[in-house]
Amino acid sequence: MKIIIADDDSFFRNFYSSKLKELGYEVETAADGNETLEKTRSFKPGVLLLDIIMPVKDGFTVLKTLKSDPATSALPVIVFSTLGQEADVDKAKNLGANDYVNKSYFDFPKMLEKIKSFSK
């Protein structure tokens, strides 16, 4: 399965990218909202891990754009953020996110379980 990790923090991008590649996933990364949109259209991932706080376009804007485009509207999106307030999670889900993972907990098994749920 192909996965994009969209996060402006290089530590999180590299950590999760390495872990997923070790398991055989094909992974691309993006550091800002525009790069995320470009790579999503060209790489055609099976899942997008999307941070909310990113430069150029934030995750909410990326989510709105993807969900309004018929070519990407069905893409499963897991919000991958340190923002854990209920209002932020609700906003992301209302915009079309399928799930939420707090990346700062480093709960890789839980994140992997969520990714696998979209590959069936």
Protein backbone atom coordinates (compact mmCIF):
# COMPACT_ATOMS: atom_id res chain seq x y z
CA MET A 1 0.00 0.00 0.00
CA LYS A 2 1.10 3.55 -0.75
CA ILE A 3 1.04 6.12 2.06
CA ILE A 4 1.77 9.83 2.19
CA ILE A 5 2.91 11.37 5.46
CA ALA A 6 2.17 15.10 5.39
CA ASP A 7 3.91 16.87 8.25
CA ASP A 8 6.16 19.92 8.45
CA ASP A 9 8.16 18.33 11.28
CA SER A 10 11.03 16.36 9.73
CA PHE A 11 11.48 14.23 12.86
CA PHE A 12 7.92 12.86 12.69
CA ARG A 13 8.08 12.45 8.89
CA ASN A 14 11.32 10.49 9.09
CA PHE A 15 10.38 8.41 12.15
CA TYR A 16 7.03 7.20 10.80
CA SER A 17 8.26 6.91 7.22
CA SER A 18 11.13 4.63 8.31
CA LYS A 19 8.85 2.46 10.45
CA LEU A 20 6.31 2.03 7.63
CA LYS A 21 8.98 1.34 4.99
CA GLU A 22 10.44 -1.39 7.24
CA LEU A 23 7.02 -3.09 7.01
CA GLY A 24 6.99 -2.90 3.22
CA TYR A 25 4.81 0.15 2.68
CA GLU A 26 5.62 2.54 -0.16
CA VAL A 27 5.90 5.93 1.52
CA GLU A 28 6.15 9.50 0.24
CA THR A 29 6.42 12.53 2.49
CA ALA A 30 5.30 16.13 2.16
CA ALA A 31 6.33 19.12 4.28
CA ASP A 32 3.56 21.60 3.48
CA GLY A 33 -0.01 21.77 2.24
CA ASN A 34 0.78 22.48 -1.42
CA GLU A 35 3.31 19.64 -1.59
CA THR A 36 0.72 17.35 0.00
CA LEU A 37 -1.87 18.18 -2.66
CA GLU A 38 0.65 17.74 -5.51
CA LYS A 39 1.95 14.41 -4.22
CA THR A 40 -1.53 13.10 -3.49
CA ARG A 41 -2.52 13.66 -7.11
CA SER A 42 0.68 12.16 -8.58
CA PHE A 43 1.49 9.34 -6.11
CA LYS A 44 -2.14 8.23 -5.59
CA PRO A 45 -1.77 6.87 -2.04
CA GLY A 46 -4.10 4.39 -0.37
CA VAL A 47 -3.98 6.44 2.86
CA LEU A 48 -2.93 9.97 3.76
CA LEU A 49 -1.54 10.76 7.23
CA LEU A 50 -2.24 14.48 7.52
CA ASP A 51 -0.88 16.94 10.06
CA ILE A 52 -3.07 19.96 10.78
CA ILE A 53 -0.45 22.63 11.50
CA MET A 54 1.60 22.99 8.32
CA PRO A 55 2.94 25.93 6.32
CA VAL A 56 1.48 27.27 3.05
CA LYS A 57 -1.85 25.44 3.52
CA ASP A 58 -2.87 23.87 6.81
CA GLY A 59 -4.32 20.39 7.13
CA PHE A 60 -7.90 21.64 7.32
CA THR A 61 -7.49 23.43 3.97
CA VAL A 62 -5.83 20.36 2.42
CA LEU A 63 -8.67 18.18 3.69
CA LYS A 64 -11.34 20.52 2.24
CA THR A 65 -9.54 20.57 -1.11
CA LEU A 66 -9.12 16.79 -1.30
CA LYS A 67 -12.69 16.02 -0.27
CA SER A 68 -14.14 18.50 -2.80
CA ASP A 69 -12.22 16.93 -5.72
CA PRO A 70 -13.87 13.81 -7.21
CA ALA A 71 -10.41 12.36 -8.00
CA THR A 72 -9.38 12.39 -4.32
CA SER A 73 -12.64 12.55 -2.37
CA ALA A 74 -12.62 8.83 -1.49
CA LEU A 75 -9.01 8.87 -0.19
CA PRO A 76 -8.91 7.74 3.45
CA VAL A 77 -7.37 10.49 5.57
CA ILE A 78 -6.05 9.94 9.08
CA VAL A 79 -5.40 13.21 10.87
CA PHE A 80 -1.94 12.85 12.34
CA SER A 81 -1.44 15.72 14.75
CA THR A 82 -0.49 16.88 18.21
CA LEU A 83 -3.75 18.84 18.31
CA GLY A 84 -5.94 16.65 20.44
CA GLN A 85 -8.67 19.05 21.46
CA GLU A 86 -12.10 17.65 20.75
CA ALA A 87 -13.00 20.72 18.66
CA ASP A 88 -10.03 20.12 16.31
CA VAL A 89 -10.77 16.41 15.96
CA ASP A 90 -14.47 17.15 15.33
CA LYS A 91 -13.61 19.81 12.75
CA ALA A 92 -11.31 17.41 10.89
CA LYS A 93 -13.93 14.65 10.91
CA ASN A 94 -16.62 17.08 9.73
CA LEU A 95 -14.34 18.01 6.82
CA GLY A 96 -14.06 14.34 5.86
CA ALA A 97 -11.19 12.85 7.89
CA ASN A 98 -11.71 9.17 8.55
CA ASP A 99 -9.77 8.93 11.80
CA TYR A 100 -7.39 10.68 14.17
CA VAL A 101 -4.04 9.74 15.74
CA ASN A 102 -2.10 11.87 18.21
CA LYS A 103 1.40 11.61 16.76
CA SER A 104 3.13 12.75 19.94
CA TYR A 105 2.12 9.54 21.77
CA PHE A 106 4.32 7.50 19.41
CA ASP A 107 1.71 4.74 19.48
CA PHE A 108 2.89 3.15 16.24
CA PRO A 109 0.91 -0.10 16.71
CA LYS A 110 -2.35 1.88 17.06
CA MET A 111 -1.55 3.97 13.97
CA LEU A 112 -0.65 0.84 12.00
CA GLU A 113 -3.96 -0.75 13.00
CA LYS A 114 -5.82 2.30 11.65
CA ILE A 115 -3.81 2.21 8.39
CA LYS A 116 -4.51 -1.49 7.94
CA SER A 117 -8.25 -0.92 8.44
CA PHE A 118 -8.26 1.05 5.16
CA SER A 119 -6.37 -1.57 3.15
CA LYS A 120 -9.09 -4.21 3.29
